[in-house]
Amino acid sequence: MHPRVVEELLKGVSIRRTAAITGVSVSTVQRVKKSNSYSCSGYLEVQKAS
């Protein structure tokens, strides 16, 4: 999982900028965005509870 990527995307940071900030590839950011497009906020709540 990539909680930092999700956090940046929720802030409205671009895909390329998110990749640069987090140190993951643009492809990874795109996959995370796609897989979490409907559940990002729920994902963060689960991460915070852990």
Protein backbone atom coordinates (compact mmCIF):
# COMPACT_ATOMS: atom_id res chain seq x y z
CA MET A 1 0.00 0.00 0.00
CA HIS A 2 1.03 3.58 -0.56
CA PRO A 3 -0.68 5.80 2.01
CA ARG A 4 1.62 8.75 1.27
CA VAL A 5 0.59 8.64 -2.40
CA VAL A 6 -3.08 8.67 -1.43
CA GLU A 7 -2.53 11.60 0.92
CA GLU A 8 -0.86 13.66 -1.80
CA LEU A 9 -3.56 12.85 -4.35
CA LEU A 10 -6.27 13.89 -1.90
CA LYS A 11 -4.50 17.23 -1.49
CA GLY A 12 -4.90 17.73 -5.23
CA VAL A 13 -1.24 17.25 -6.10
CA SER A 14 -0.61 16.17 -9.70
CA ILE A 15 0.39 12.62 -10.57
CA ARG A 16 3.92 13.60 -11.65
CA ARG A 17 4.46 15.81 -8.60
CA THR A 18 3.15 13.04 -6.32
CA ALA A 19 5.63 10.62 -7.89
CA ALA A 20 8.48 13.07 -7.30
CA ILE A 21 7.47 13.77 -3.69
CA THR A 22 6.95 10.13 -2.71
CA GLY A 23 9.75 8.55 -4.72
CA VAL A 24 7.53 6.09 -6.58
CA SER A 25 6.99 5.84 -10.33
CA VAL A 26 4.29 7.71 -12.22
CA SER A 27 2.80 4.31 -13.11
CA THR A 28 2.49 3.42 -9.43
CA VAL A 29 0.76 6.72 -8.66
CA GLN A 30 -1.67 6.11 -11.53
CA ARG A 31 -2.44 2.59 -10.27
CA VAL A 32 -3.01 3.84 -6.73
CA LYS A 33 -5.25 6.62 -8.01
CA LYS A 34 -7.27 4.23 -10.14
CA SER A 35 -7.66 1.60 -7.43
CA ASN A 36 -8.64 4.17 -4.82
CA SER A 37 -10.67 6.55 -6.97
CA TYR A 38 -13.91 5.75 -5.12
CA SER A 39 -12.52 4.95 -1.70
CA CYS A 40 -9.57 7.24 -0.96
CA SER A 41 -11.10 8.85 2.09
CA GLY A 42 -12.10 5.47 3.50
CA TYR A 43 -8.60 4.17 2.86
CA LEU A 44 -7.07 7.02 4.84
CA GLU A 45 -9.44 6.45 7.75
CA VAL A 46 -8.35 2.81 7.91
CA GLN A 47 -4.68 3.84 7.83
CA LYS A 48 -5.19 6.36 10.64
CA ALA A 49 -6.89 3.73 12.79
CA SER A 50 -3.96 1.32 12.43
